Amino acid sequence: QVQLVESGGGLVQAGGSLRLSCAASGRTLRSYSMGWFRQAPGKEREFVAAIRWSGTMRYYADSVKGRFTISRDNAKNTVYLQMNSLKPEDTAVYYCAARDGVVLTTTRYDYWGQGIQVTVSS
């Protein structure tokens, strides 16, 4: 079993930056693919970014490419999402997810965090 806890969310003005962290416990993430998803009110949960266990391959949604960066520190069992040039449309609850397998851009992940709010004001 893997427990995921997100932190680092909050309120920021458009153009600002935030860094989300996802700390894992219960099992090492060394062989897991990790993803970030988000869900805005009234919308479905959508893929944001993902990273392979080795950290060598990273995947991004077109809407965040060039602004967000996913990274991981396997020694700390933590995944990060650096979000720059934030826009009001980035406002959502952000979720960290883990799966024991290849990276997916769908929600077919095995473990999920509880989510954390990110609000970008205009």
PDB file of N, CA and C in Angstrom:
ATOM      1  N   GLN A   1       0.843  -1.189   0.000  1.00  0.00           N
ATOM      2  CA  GLN A   1       0.000   0.000   0.000  1.00  0.00           C
ATOM      3  C   GLN A   1       0.876   1.234   0.000  1.00  0.00           C
ATOM      4  N   VAL A   2       0.449   2.254  -0.750  1.00  0.00           N
ATOM      5  CA  VAL A   2       1.182   3.513  -0.847  1.00  0.00           C
ATOM      6  C   VAL A   2       0.271   4.638  -0.394  1.00  0.00           C
ATOM      7  N   GLN A   3       0.768   5.480   0.481  1.00  0.00           N
ATOM      8  CA  GLN A   3       0.033   6.678   0.885  1.00  0.00           C
ATOM      9  C   GLN A   3       0.736   7.894   0.278  1.00  0.00           C
ATOM     10  N   LEU A   4      -0.061   8.771  -0.301  1.00  0.00           N
ATOM     11  CA  LEU A   4       0.463   9.969  -0.954  1.00  0.00           C
ATOM     12  C   LEU A   4      -0.133  11.210  -0.299  1.00  0.00           C
ATOM     13  N   VAL A   5       0.712  12.173   0.023  1.00  0.00           N
ATOM     14  CA  VAL A   5       0.248  13.405   0.647  1.00  0.00           C
ATOM     15  C   VAL A   5       0.820  14.592  -0.113  1.00  0.00           C
ATOM     16  N   GLU A   6      -0.073  15.408  -0.650  1.00  0.00           N
ATOM     17  CA  GLU A   6       0.336  16.602  -1.385  1.00  0.00           C
ATOM     18  C   GLU A   6       0.491  17.788  -0.444  1.00  0.00           C
ATOM     19  N   SER A   7       1.363  18.698  -0.816  1.00  0.00           N
ATOM     20  CA  SER A   7       1.539  19.954  -0.076  1.00  0.00           C
ATOM     21  C   SER A   7       2.022  21.023  -1.042  1.00  0.00           C
ATOM     22  N   GLY A   8       1.937  22.285  -0.596  1.00  0.00           N
ATOM     23  CA  GLY A   8       2.473  23.381  -1.391  1.00  0.00           C
ATOM     24  C   GLY A   8       1.449  24.170  -2.169  1.00  0.00           C
ATOM     25  N   GLY A   9       0.188  23.804  -2.069  1.00  0.00           N
ATOM     26  CA  GLY A   9      -0.839  24.544  -2.788  1.00  0.00           C
ATOM     27  C   GLY A   9      -1.136  25.870  -2.120  1.00  0.00           C
ATOM     28  N   GLY A  10      -2.088  26.606  -2.689  1.00  0.00           N
ATOM     29  CA  GLY A  10      -2.476  27.878  -2.109  1.00  0.00           C
ATOM     30  C   GLY A  10      -3.001  28.844  -3.138  1.00  0.00           C
ATOM     31  N   LEU A  11      -2.998  30.111  -2.758  1.00  0.00           N
ATOM     32  CA  LEU A  11      -3.497  31.192  -3.606  1.00  0.00           C
ATOM     33  C   LEU A  11      -2.314  31.978  -4.161  1.00  0.00           C
ATOM     34  N   VAL A  12      -2.332  32.226  -5.450  1.00  0.00           N
ATOM     35  CA  VAL A  12      -1.257  32.980  -6.081  1.00  0.00           C
ATOM     36  C   VAL A  12      -1.848  33.844  -7.190  1.00  0.00           C
ATOM     37  N   GLN A  13      -1.206  34.949  -7.476  1.00  0.00           N
ATOM     38  CA  GLN A  13      -1.662  35.814  -8.562  1.00  0.00           C
ATOM     39  C   GLN A  13      -1.218  35.256  -9.911  1.00  0.00           C
ATOM     40  N   ALA A  14      -1.955  35.610 -10.938  1.00  0.00           N
ATOM     41  CA  ALA A  14      -1.583  35.195 -12.287  1.00  0.00           C
ATOM     42  C   ALA A  14      -0.151  35.633 -12.589  1.00  0.00           C
ATOM     43  N   GLY A  15       0.590  34.733 -13.213  1.00  0.00           N
ATOM     44  CA  GLY A  15       1.990  34.991 -13.500  1.00  0.00           C
ATOM     45  C   GLY A  15       2.931  34.496 -12.421  1.00  0.00           C
ATOM     46  N   GLY A  16       2.392  34.128 -11.293  1.00  0.00           N
ATOM     47  CA  GLY A  16       3.202  33.659 -10.180  1.00  0.00           C
ATOM     48  C   GLY A  16       3.564  32.191 -10.288  1.00  0.00           C
ATOM     49  N   SER A  17       4.205  31.681  -9.237  1.00  0.00           N
ATOM     50  CA  SER A  17       4.692  30.305  -9.221  1.00  0.00           C
ATOM     51  C   SER A  17       4.319  29.616  -7.915  1.00  0.00           C
ATOM     52  N   LEU A  18       4.188  28.320  -8.024  1.00  0.00           N
ATOM     53  CA  LEU A  18       4.004  27.458  -6.852  1.00  0.00           C
ATOM     54  C   LEU A  18       4.750  26.155  -7.124  1.00  0.00           C
ATOM     55  N   ARG A  19       5.179  25.500  -6.044  1.00  0.00           N
ATOM     56  CA  ARG A  19       5.756  24.171  -6.182  1.00  0.00           C
ATOM     57  C   ARG A  19       4.973  23.207  -5.309  1.00  0.00           C
ATOM     58  N   LEU A  20       4.381  22.226  -5.951  1.00  0.00           N
ATOM     59  CA  LEU A  20       3.679  21.170  -5.227  1.00  0.00           C
ATOM     60  C   LEU A  20       4.635  20.027  -4.928  1.00  0.00           C
ATOM     61  N   SER A  21       4.448  19.433  -3.770  1.00  0.00           N
ATOM     62  CA  SER A  21       5.208  18.249  -3.393  1.00  0.00           C
ATOM     63  C   SER A  21       4.241  17.114  -3.109  1.00  0.00           C
ATOM     64  N   CYS A  22       4.700  15.912  -3.365  1.00  0.00           N
ATOM     65  CA  CYS A  22       3.920  14.715  -3.070  1.00  0.00           C
ATOM     66  C   CYS A  22       4.838  13.748  -2.346  1.00  0.00           C
ATOM     67  N   ALA A  23       4.597  13.571  -1.070  1.00  0.00           N
ATOM     68  CA  ALA A  23       5.407  12.676  -0.253  1.00  0.00           C
ATOM     69  C   ALA A  23       4.719  11.317  -0.147  1.00  0.00           C
ATOM     70  N   ALA A  24       5.485  10.284  -0.406  1.00  0.00           N
ATOM     71  CA  ALA A  24       4.937   8.933  -0.376  1.00  0.00           C
ATOM     72  C   ALA A  24       5.445   8.168   0.831  1.00  0.00           C
ATOM     73  N   SER A  25       4.598   7.322   1.349  1.00  0.00           N
ATOM     74  CA  SER A  25       5.001   6.437   2.437  1.00  0.00           C
ATOM     75  C   SER A  25       4.361   5.079   2.222  1.00  0.00           C
ATOM     76  N   GLY A  26       4.877   4.113   2.927  1.00  0.00           N
ATOM     77  CA  GLY A  26       4.322   2.769   2.848  1.00  0.00           C
ATOM     78  C   GLY A  26       5.098   1.855   1.925  1.00  0.00           C
ATOM     79  N   ARG A  27       5.726   2.441   0.925  1.00  0.00           N
ATOM     80  CA  ARG A  27       6.497   1.631  -0.021  1.00  0.00           C
ATOM     81  C   ARG A  27       7.385   2.586  -0.796  1.00  0.00           C
ATOM     82  N   THR A  28       8.541   2.131  -1.154  1.00  0.00           N
ATOM     83  CA  THR A  28       9.402   2.976  -1.963  1.00  0.00           C
ATOM     84  C   THR A  28       8.803   3.164  -3.349  1.00  0.00           C
ATOM     85  N   LEU A  29       8.972   4.382  -3.876  1.00  0.00           N
ATOM     86  CA  LEU A  29       8.432   4.687  -5.192  1.00  0.00           C
ATOM     87  C   LEU A  29       9.414   4.401  -6.308  1.00  0.00           C
ATOM     88  N   ARG A  30      10.497   3.756  -5.958  1.00  0.00           N
ATOM     89  CA  ARG A  30      11.604   3.633  -6.901  1.00  0.00           C
ATOM     90  C   ARG A  30      11.193   3.015  -8.232  1.00  0.00           C
ATOM     91  N   SER A  31      10.219   2.121  -8.236  1.00  0.00           N
ATOM     92  CA  SER A  31       9.818   1.461  -9.477  1.00  0.00           C
ATOM     93  C   SER A  31       8.485   1.975 -10.000  1.00  0.00           C
ATOM     94  N   TYR A  32       7.937   3.009  -9.384  1.00  0.00           N
ATOM     95  CA  TYR A  32       6.612   3.494  -9.742  1.00  0.00           C
ATOM     96  C   TYR A  32       6.676   4.662 -10.724  1.00  0.00           C
ATOM     97  N   SER A  33       5.706   4.699 -11.619  1.00  0.00           N
ATOM     98  CA  SER A  33       5.477   5.895 -12.403  1.00  0.00           C
ATOM     99  C   SER A  33       4.589   6.831 -11.585  1.00  0.00           C
ATOM    100  N   MET A  34       4.864   8.123 -11.686  1.00  0.00           N
ATOM    101  CA  MET A  34       4.141   9.111 -10.895  1.00  0.00           C
ATOM    102  C   MET A  34       3.478  10.133 -11.800  1.00  0.00           C
ATOM    103  N   GLY A  35       2.304  10.566 -11.396  1.00  0.00           N
ATOM    104  CA  GLY A  35       1.592  11.541 -12.209  1.00  0.00           C
ATOM    105  C   GLY A  35       0.953  12.623 -11.363  1.00  0.00           C
ATOM    106  N   TRP A  36       0.712  13.749 -11.997  1.00  0.00           N
ATOM    107  CA  TRP A  36      -0.077  14.831 -11.409  1.00  0.00           C
ATOM    108  C   TRP A  36      -1.317  15.025 -12.280  1.00  0.00           C
ATOM    109  N   PHE A  37      -2.454  15.159 -11.626  1.00  0.00           N
ATOM    110  CA  PHE A  37      -3.721  15.418 -12.295  1.00  0.00           C
ATOM    111  C   PHE A  37      -4.376  16.614 -11.609  1.00  0.00           C
ATOM    112  N   ARG A  38      -5.382  17.161 -12.249  1.00  0.00           N
ATOM    113  CA  ARG A  38      -6.121  18.247 -11.621  1.00  0.00           C
ATOM    114  C   ARG A  38      -7.586  18.163 -11.994  1.00  0.00           C
ATOM    115  N   GLN A  39      -8.395  18.736 -11.141  1.00  0.00           N
ATOM    116  CA  GLN A  39      -9.847  18.728 -11.384  1.00  0.00           C
ATOM    117  C   GLN A  39     -10.418  20.069 -10.959  1.00  0.00           C
ATOM    118  N   ALA A  40     -10.971  20.774 -11.924  1.00  0.00           N
ATOM    119  CA  ALA A  40     -11.643  22.045 -11.664  1.00  0.00           C
ATOM    120  C   ALA A  40     -13.123  21.771 -11.398  1.00  0.00           C
ATOM    121  N   PRO A  41     -13.804  22.690 -10.721  1.00  0.00           N
ATOM    122  CA  PRO A  41     -15.227  22.500 -10.423  1.00  0.00           C
ATOM    123  C   PRO A  41     -16.036  22.245 -11.680  1.00  0.00           C
ATOM    124  N   GLY A  42     -16.832  21.201 -11.661  1.00  0.00           N
ATOM    125  CA  GLY A  42     -17.697  20.893 -12.784  1.00  0.00           C
ATOM    126  C   GLY A  42     -17.015  20.236 -13.962  1.00  0.00           C
ATOM    127  N   LYS A  43     -15.725  19.926 -13.804  1.00  0.00           N
ATOM    128  CA  LYS A  43     -14.973  19.308 -14.898  1.00  0.00           C
ATOM    129  C   LYS A  43     -14.427  17.961 -14.465  1.00  0.00           C
ATOM    130  N   GLU A  44     -14.045  17.161 -15.460  1.00  0.00           N
ATOM    131  CA  GLU A  44     -13.450  15.877 -15.160  1.00  0.00           C
ATOM    132  C   GLU A  44     -11.984  16.046 -14.755  1.00  0.00           C
ATOM    133  N   ARG A  45     -11.504  15.051 -14.051  1.00  0.00           N
ATOM    134  CA  ARG A  45     -10.099  15.065 -13.684  1.00  0.00           C
ATOM    135  C   ARG A  45      -9.255  14.908 -14.949  1.00  0.00           C
ATOM    136  N   GLU A  46      -8.222  15.742 -15.057  1.00  0.00           N
ATOM    137  CA  GLU A  46      -7.413  15.719 -16.269  1.00  0.00           C
ATOM    138  C   GLU A  46      -5.937  15.551 -15.957  1.00  0.00           C
ATOM    139  N   PHE A  47      -5.251  14.971 -16.901  1.00  0.00           N
ATOM    140  CA  PHE A  47      -3.817  14.745 -16.789  1.00  0.00           C
ATOM    141  C   PHE A  47      -3.056  16.063 -16.870  1.00  0.00           C
ATOM    142  N   VAL A  48      -2.025  16.193 -16.036  1.00  0.00           N
ATOM    143  CA  VAL A  48      -1.171  17.377 -16.051  1.00  0.00           C
ATOM    144  C   VAL A  48       0.257  17.007 -16.454  1.00  0.00           C
ATOM    145  N   ALA A  49       0.849  16.064 -15.724  1.00  0.00           N
ATOM    146  CA  ALA A  49       2.235  15.679 -15.987  1.00  0.00           C
ATOM    147  C   ALA A  49       2.501  14.305 -15.383  1.00  0.00           C
ATOM    148  N   ALA A  50       3.525  13.633 -15.919  1.00  0.00           N
ATOM    149  CA  ALA A  50       3.900  12.325 -15.392  1.00  0.00           C
ATOM    150  C   ALA A  50       5.376  12.092 -15.625  1.00  0.00           C
ATOM    151  N   ILE A  51       5.931  11.192 -14.833  1.00  0.00           N
ATOM    152  CA  ILE A  51       7.356  10.921 -14.915  1.00  0.00           C
ATOM    153  C   ILE A  51       7.605   9.438 -14.665  1.00  0.00           C
ATOM    154  N   ARG A  52       8.518   8.863 -15.430  1.00  0.00           N
ATOM    155  CA  ARG A  52       8.886   7.466 -15.216  1.00  0.00           C
ATOM    156  C   ARG A  52       9.679   7.298 -13.943  1.00  0.00           C
ATOM    157  N   TRP A  53       9.775   6.061 -13.488  1.00  0.00           N
ATOM    158  CA  TRP A  53      10.466   5.799 -12.229  1.00  0.00           C
ATOM    159  C   TRP A  53      11.914   6.272 -12.297  1.00  0.00           C
ATOM    160  N   SER A  54      12.524   6.172 -13.475  1.00  0.00           N
ATOM    161  CA  SER A  54      13.931   6.556 -13.603  1.00  0.00           C
ATOM    162  C   SER A  54      14.091   8.069 -13.695  1.00  0.00           C
ATOM    163  N   GLY A  55      13.005   8.778 -13.967  1.00  0.00           N
ATOM    164  CA  GLY A  55      13.092  10.225 -14.128  1.00  0.00           C
ATOM    165  C   GLY A  55      13.584  10.662 -15.487  1.00  0.00           C
ATOM    166  N   THR A  56      13.852   9.701 -16.379  1.00  0.00           N
ATOM    167  CA  THR A  56      14.427  10.045 -17.673  1.00  0.00           C
ATOM    168  C   THR A  56      13.386  10.504 -18.679  1.00  0.00           C
ATOM    169  N   MET A  57      12.135  10.112 -18.487  1.00  0.00           N
ATOM    170  CA  MET A  57      11.087  10.513 -19.420  1.00  0.00           C
ATOM    171  C   MET A  57      10.003  11.269 -18.663  1.00  0.00           C
ATOM    172  N   ARG A  58       9.615  12.405 -19.201  1.00  0.00           N
ATOM    173  CA  ARG A  58       8.588  13.228 -18.592  1.00  0.00           C
ATOM    174  C   ARG A  58       7.529  13.537 -19.639  1.00  0.00           C
ATOM    175  N   TYR A  59       6.296  13.641 -19.206  1.00  0.00           N
ATOM    176  CA  TYR A  59       5.178  13.854 -20.105  1.00  0.00           C
ATOM    177  C   TYR A  59       4.331  14.994 -19.560  1.00  0.00           C
ATOM    178  N   TYR A  60       3.828  15.825 -20.470  1.00  0.00           N
ATOM    179  CA  TYR A  60       3.046  16.987 -20.053  1.00  0.00           C
ATOM    180  C   TYR A  60       1.805  17.146 -20.928  1.00  0.00           C
ATOM    181  N   ALA A  61       0.761  17.660 -20.312  1.00  0.00           N
ATOM    182  CA  ALA A  61      -0.394  18.094 -21.090  1.00  0.00           C
ATOM    183  C   ALA A  61       0.002  19.329 -21.889  1.00  0.00           C
ATOM    184  N   ASP A  62      -0.593  19.488 -23.055  1.00  0.00           N
ATOM    185  CA  ASP A  62      -0.253  20.649 -23.891  1.00  0.00           C
ATOM    186  C   ASP A  62      -0.509  21.965 -23.166  1.00  0.00           C
ATOM    187  N   SER A  63      -1.514  21.975 -22.318  1.00  0.00           N
ATOM    188  CA  SER A  63      -1.905  23.213 -21.644  1.00  0.00           C
ATOM    189  C   SER A  63      -0.862  23.704 -20.635  1.00  0.00           C
ATOM    190  N   VAL A  64       0.049  22.829 -20.212  1.00  0.00           N
ATOM    191  CA  VAL A  64       1.037  23.231 -19.201  1.00  0.00           C
ATOM    192  C   VAL A  64       2.470  23.135 -19.717  1.00  0.00           C
ATOM    193  N   LYS A  65       2.639  22.616 -20.913  1.00  0.00           N
ATOM    194  CA  LYS A  65       3.975  22.426 -21.466  1.00  0.00           C
ATOM    195  C   LYS A  65       4.715  23.755 -21.533  1.00  0.00           C
ATOM    196  N   GLY A  66       5.949  23.772 -21.057  1.00  0.00           N
ATOM    197  CA  GLY A  66       6.746  24.987 -21.050  1.00  0.00           C
ATOM    198  C   GLY A  66       6.563  25.825 -19.794  1.00  0.00           C
ATOM    199  N   ARG A  67       5.548  25.514 -19.000  1.00  0.00           N
ATOM    200  CA  ARG A  67       5.293  26.280 -17.763  1.00  0.00           C
ATOM    201  C   ARG A  67       5.482  25.417 -16.513  1.00  0.00           C
ATOM    202  N   PHE A  68       5.133  24.140 -16.620  1.00  0.00           N
ATOM    203  CA  PHE A  68       5.227  23.230 -15.472  1.00  0.00           C
ATOM    204  C   PHE A  68       6.378  22.251 -15.680  1.00  0.00           C
ATOM    205  N   THR A  69       6.983  21.852 -14.575  1.00  0.00           N
ATOM    206  CA  THR A  69       8.055  20.859 -14.616  1.00  0.00           C
ATOM    207  C   THR A  69       7.835  19.828 -13.521  1.00  0.00           C
ATOM    208  N   ILE A  70       7.810  18.557 -13.908  1.00  0.00           N
ATOM    209  CA  ILE A  70       7.692  17.479 -12.945  1.00  0.00           C
ATOM    210  C   ILE A  70       9.079  16.907 -12.676  1.00  0.00           C
ATOM    211  N   SER A  71       9.320  16.562 -11.433  1.00  0.00           N
ATOM    212  CA  SER A  71      10.602  15.954 -11.077  1.00  0.00           C
ATOM    213  C   SER A  71      10.379  15.019  -9.893  1.00  0.00           C
ATOM    214  N   ARG A  72      11.372  14.216  -9.601  1.00  0.00           N
ATOM    215  CA  ARG A  72      11.235  13.285  -8.491  1.00  0.00           C
ATOM    216  C   ARG A  72      12.571  13.107  -7.810  1.00  0.00           C
ATOM    217  N   ASP A  73      12.498  12.806  -6.526  1.00  0.00           N
ATOM    218  CA  ASP A  73      13.674  12.478  -5.732  1.00  0.00           C
ATOM    219  C   ASP A  73      13.380  11.133  -5.088  1.00  0.00           C
ATOM    220  N   ASN A  74      13.899  10.080  -5.690  1.00  0.00           N
ATOM    221  CA  ASN A  74      13.594   8.737  -5.197  1.00  0.00           C
ATOM    222  C   ASN A  74      14.166   8.498  -3.805  1.00  0.00           C
ATOM    223  N   ALA A  75      15.264   9.160  -3.489  1.00  0.00           N
ATOM    224  CA  ALA A  75      15.846   9.000  -2.155  1.00  0.00           C
ATOM    225  C   ALA A  75      14.914   9.542  -1.082  1.00  0.00           C
ATOM    226  N   LYS A  76      14.151  10.573  -1.442  1.00  0.00           N
ATOM    227  CA  LYS A  76      13.215  11.185  -0.496  1.00  0.00           C
ATOM    228  C   LYS A  76      11.793  10.677  -0.691  1.00  0.00           C
ATOM    229  N   ASN A  77      11.606   9.798  -1.677  1.00  0.00           N
ATOM    230  CA  ASN A  77      10.265   9.286  -1.964  1.00  0.00           C
ATOM    231  C   ASN A  77       9.267  10.419  -2.214  1.00  0.00           C
ATOM    232  N   THR A  78       9.716  11.397  -2.976  1.00  0.00           N
ATOM    233  CA  THR A  78       8.918  12.603  -3.198  1.00  0.00           C
ATOM    234  C   THR A  78       8.919  12.994  -4.670  1.00  0.00           C
ATOM    235  N   VAL A  79       7.776  13.468  -5.123  1.00  0.00           N
ATOM    236  CA  VAL A  79       7.617  13.981  -6.482  1.00  0.00           C
ATOM    237  C   VAL A  79       7.207  15.446  -6.389  1.00  0.00           C
ATOM    238  N   TYR A  80       7.681  16.235  -7.334  1.00  0.00           N
ATOM    239  CA  TYR A  80       7.411  17.665  -7.309  1.00  0.00           C
ATOM    240  C   TYR A  80       6.737  18.111  -8.603  1.00  0.00           C
ATOM    241  N   LEU A  81       6.001  19.185  -8.512  1.00  0.00           N
ATOM    242  CA  LEU A  81       5.454  19.845  -9.699  1.00  0.00           C
ATOM    243  C   LEU A  81       5.722  21.336  -9.545  1.00  0.00           C
ATOM    244  N   GLN A  82       6.702  21.826 -10.285  1.00  0.00           N
ATOM    245  CA  GLN A  82       7.001  23.253 -10.290  1.00  0.00           C
ATOM    246  C   GLN A  82       6.097  23.920 -11.312  1.00  0.00           C
ATOM    247  N   MET A  83       5.308  24.880 -10.869  1.00  0.00           N
ATOM    248  CA  MET A  83       4.338  25.537 -11.733  1.00  0.00           C
ATOM    249  C   MET A  83       4.704  27.017 -11.840  1.00  0.00           C
ATOM    250  N   ASN A  84       5.063  27.434 -13.033  1.00  0.00           N
ATOM    251  CA  ASN A  84       5.423  28.821 -13.301  1.00  0.00           C
ATOM    252  C   ASN A  84       4.412  29.453 -14.244  1.00  0.00           C
ATOM    253  N   SER A  85       4.431  30.766 -14.312  1.00  0.00           N
ATOM    254  CA  SER A  85       3.537  31.513 -15.214  1.00  0.00           C
ATOM    255  C   SER A  85       2.096  31.036 -15.070  1.00  0.00           C
ATOM    256  N   LEU A  86       1.650  30.936 -13.852  1.00  0.00           N
ATOM    257  CA  LEU A  86       0.322  30.401 -13.589  1.00  0.00           C
ATOM    258  C   LEU A  86      -0.760  31.299 -14.161  1.00  0.00           C
ATOM    259  N   LYS A  87      -1.837  30.654 -14.592  1.00  0.00           N
ATOM    260  CA  LYS A  87      -2.983  31.343 -15.187  1.00  0.00           C
ATOM    261  C   LYS A  87      -4.234  31.020 -14.371  1.00  0.00           C
ATOM    262  N   PRO A  88      -5.237  31.871 -14.454  1.00  0.00           N
ATOM    263  CA  PRO A  88      -6.483  31.573 -13.724  1.00  0.00           C
ATOM    264  C   PRO A  88      -7.068  30.220 -14.099  1.00  0.00           C
ATOM    265  N   GLU A  89      -6.883  29.804 -15.342  1.00  0.00           N
ATOM    266  CA  GLU A  89      -7.428  28.511 -15.770  1.00  0.00           C
ATOM    267  C   GLU A  89      -6.658  27.328 -15.184  1.00  0.00           C
ATOM    268  N   ASP A  90      -5.572  27.563 -14.482  1.00  0.00           N
ATOM    269  CA  ASP A  90      -4.877  26.495 -13.773  1.00  0.00           C
ATOM    270  C   ASP A  90      -5.521  26.209 -12.417  1.00  0.00           C
ATOM    271  N   THR A  91      -6.481  27.020 -12.029  1.00  0.00           N
ATOM    272  CA  THR A  91      -7.160  26.822 -10.757  1.00  0.00           C
ATOM    273  C   THR A  91      -7.869  25.472 -10.731  1.00  0.00           C
ATOM    274  N   ALA A  92      -7.561  24.676  -9.715  1.00  0.00           N
ATOM    275  CA  ALA A  92      -8.120  23.326  -9.610  1.00  0.00           C
ATOM    276  C   ALA A  92      -7.612  22.683  -8.325  1.00  0.00           C
ATOM    277  N   VAL A  93      -8.177  21.533  -8.029  1.00  0.00           N
ATOM    278  CA  VAL A  93      -7.593  20.662  -7.020  1.00  0.00           C
ATOM    279  C   VAL A  93      -6.588  19.767  -7.734  1.00  0.00           C
ATOM    280  N   TYR A  94      -5.376  19.726  -7.242  1.00  0.00           N
ATOM    281  CA  TYR A  94      -4.310  18.953  -7.853  1.00  0.00           C
ATOM    282  C   TYR A  94      -4.087  17.662  -7.058  1.00  0.00           C
ATOM    283  N   TYR A  95      -3.976  16.569  -7.804  1.00  0.00           N
ATOM    284  CA  TYR A  95      -3.804  15.257  -7.208  1.00  0.00           C
ATOM    285  C   TYR A  95      -2.503  14.619  -7.670  1.00  0.00           C
ATOM    286  N   CYS A  96      -1.844  13.969  -6.745  1.00  0.00           N
ATOM    287  CA  CYS A  96      -0.677  13.157  -7.032  1.00  0.00           C
ATOM    288  C   CYS A  96      -1.143  11.701  -7.156  1.00  0.00           C
ATOM    289  N   ALA A  97      -0.528  10.956  -8.067  1.00  0.00           N
ATOM    290  CA  ALA A  97      -0.930   9.565  -8.278  1.00  0.00           C
ATOM    291  C   ALA A  97       0.284   8.700  -8.563  1.00  0.00           C
ATOM    292  N   ALA A  98       0.162   7.424  -8.240  1.00  0.00           N
ATOM    293  CA  ALA A  98       1.263   6.480  -8.445  1.00  0.00           C
ATOM    294  C   ALA A  98       0.740   5.183  -9.040  1.00  0.00           C
ATOM    295  N   ARG A  99       1.559   4.587  -9.900  1.00  0.00           N
ATOM    296  CA  ARG A  99       1.203   3.276 -10.423  1.00  0.00           C
ATOM    297  C   ARG A  99       2.458   2.460 -10.628  1.00  0.00           C
ATOM    298  N   ASP A 100       2.322   1.171 -10.404  1.00  0.00           N
ATOM    299  CA  ASP A 100       3.446   0.245 -10.570  1.00  0.00           C
ATOM    300  C   ASP A 100       3.437  -0.238 -12.003  1.00  0.00           C
ATOM    301  N   GLY A 101       3.977   0.578 -12.887  1.00  0.00           N
ATOM    302  CA  GLY A 101       3.989   0.223 -14.296  1.00  0.00           C
ATOM    303  C   GLY A 101       4.383   1.410 -15.132  1.00  0.00           C
ATOM    304  N   VAL A 102       4.104   1.331 -16.411  1.00  0.00           N
ATOM    305  CA  VAL A 102       4.492   2.396 -17.334  1.00  0.00           C
ATOM    306  C   VAL A 102       3.659   3.641 -17.072  1.00  0.00           C
ATOM    307  N   VAL A 103       4.178   4.757 -17.566  1.00  0.00           N
ATOM    308  CA  VAL A 103       3.470   6.019 -17.425  1.00  0.00           C
ATOM    309  C   VAL A 103       2.187   5.985 -18.247  1.00  0.00           C
ATOM    310  N   LEU A 104       1.118   6.497 -17.668  1.00  0.00           N
ATOM    311  CA  LEU A 104      -0.136   6.663 -18.392  1.00  0.00           C
ATOM    312  C   LEU A 104      -0.579   8.111 -18.277  1.00  0.00           C
ATOM    313  N   THR A 105      -1.285   8.581 -19.264  1.00  0.00           N
ATOM    314  CA  THR A 105      -1.861   9.927 -19.193  1.00  0.00           C
ATOM    315  C   THR A 105      -3.345   9.865 -18.895  1.00  0.00           C
ATOM    316  N   THR A 106      -3.828   8.669 -18.597  1.00  0.00           N
ATOM    317  CA  THR A 106      -5.209   8.511 -18.147  1.00  0.00           C
ATOM    318  C   THR A 106      -5.200   8.385 -16.624  1.00  0.00           C
ATOM    319  N   THR A 107      -6.400   8.264 -16.048  1.00  0.00           N
ATOM    320  CA  THR A 107      -6.492   8.197 -14.584  1.00  0.00           C
ATOM    321  C   THR A 107      -6.316   6.775 -14.041  1.00  0.00           C
ATOM    322  N   ARG A 108      -5.783   5.877 -14.833  1.00  0.00           N
ATOM    323  CA  ARG A 108      -5.629   4.490 -14.399  1.00  0.00           C
ATOM    324  C   ARG A 108      -4.391   4.313 -13.546  1.00  0.00           C
ATOM    325  N   TYR A 109      -4.389   5.023 -12.423  1.00  0.00           N
ATOM    326  CA  TYR A 109      -3.320   4.907 -11.449  1.00  0.00           C
ATOM    327  C   TYR A 109      -3.830   4.145 -10.234  1.00  0.00           C
ATOM    328  N   ASP A 110      -2.892   3.525  -9.535  1.00  0.00           N
ATOM    329  CA  ASP A 110      -3.269   2.640  -8.429  1.00  0.00           C
ATOM    330  C   ASP A 110      -3.515   3.398  -7.132  1.00  0.00           C
ATOM    331  N   TYR A 111      -2.782   4.458  -6.909  1.00  0.00           N
ATOM    332  CA  TYR A 111      -2.859   5.183  -5.640  1.00  0.00           C
ATOM    333  C   TYR A 111      -3.006   6.680  -5.913  1.00  0.00           C
ATOM    334  N   TRP A 112      -3.781   7.328  -5.039  1.00  0.00           N
ATOM    335  CA  TRP A 112      -4.062   8.759  -5.190  1.00  0.00           C
ATOM    336  C   TRP A 112      -3.896   9.468  -3.865  1.00  0.00           C
ATOM    337  N   GLY A 113      -3.418  10.724  -3.939  1.00  0.00           N
ATOM    338  CA  GLY A 113      -3.426  11.571  -2.770  1.00  0.00           C
ATOM    339  C   GLY A 113      -4.801  12.170  -2.558  1.00  0.00           C
ATOM    340  N   GLN A 114      -4.941  12.941  -1.488  1.00  0.00           N
ATOM    341  CA  GLN A 114      -6.254  13.511  -1.155  1.00  0.00           C
ATOM    342  C   GLN A 114      -6.545  14.772  -1.946  1.00  0.00           C
ATOM    343  N   GLY A 115      -5.525  15.313  -2.600  1.00  0.00           N
ATOM    344  CA  GLY A 115      -5.704  16.518  -3.401  1.00  0.00           C
ATOM    345  C   GLY A 115      -5.382  17.781  -2.619  1.00  0.00           C
ATOM    346  N   ILE A 116      -4.964  18.799  -3.351  1.00  0.00           N
ATOM    347  CA  ILE A 116      -4.655  20.082  -2.732  1.00  0.00           C
ATOM    348  C   ILE A 116      -5.108  21.204  -3.656  1.00  0.00           C
ATOM    349  N   GLN A 117      -5.662  22.250  -3.057  1.00  0.00           N
ATOM    350  CA  GLN A 117      -6.233  23.344  -3.851  1.00  0.00           C
ATOM    351  C   GLN A 117      -5.147  24.288  -4.334  1.00  0.00           C
ATOM    352  N   VAL A 118      -5.226  24.640  -5.603  1.00  0.00           N
ATOM    353  CA  VAL A 118      -4.422  25.702  -6.197  1.00  0.00           C
ATOM    354  C   VAL A 118      -5.384  26.706  -6.802  1.00  0.00           C
ATOM    355  N   THR A 119      -5.275  27.956  -6.372  1.00  0.00           N
ATOM    356  CA  THR A 119      -6.141  29.014  -6.874  1.00  0.00           C
ATOM    357  C   THR A 119      -5.282  30.131  -7.441  1.00  0.00           C
ATOM    358  N   VAL A 120      -5.539  30.487  -8.688  1.00  0.00           N
ATOM    359  CA  VAL A 120      -4.798  31.547  -9.365  1.00  0.00           C
ATOM    360  C   VAL A 120      -5.756  32.693  -9.622  1.00  0.00           C
ATOM    361  N   SER A 121      -5.471  33.832  -9.024  1.00  0.00           N
ATOM    362  CA  SER A 121      -6.332  34.998  -9.187  1.00  0.00           C
ATOM    363  C   SER A 121      -5.857  35.847 -10.356  1.00  0.00           C
ATOM    364  N   SER A 122      -6.818  36.503 -10.997  1.00  0.00           N
ATOM    365  CA  SER A 122      -6.478  37.325 -12.168  1.00  0.00           C
ATOM    366  C   SER A 122      -6.153  38.758 -11.777  1.00  0.00           C
TER     367      SER A 122
END
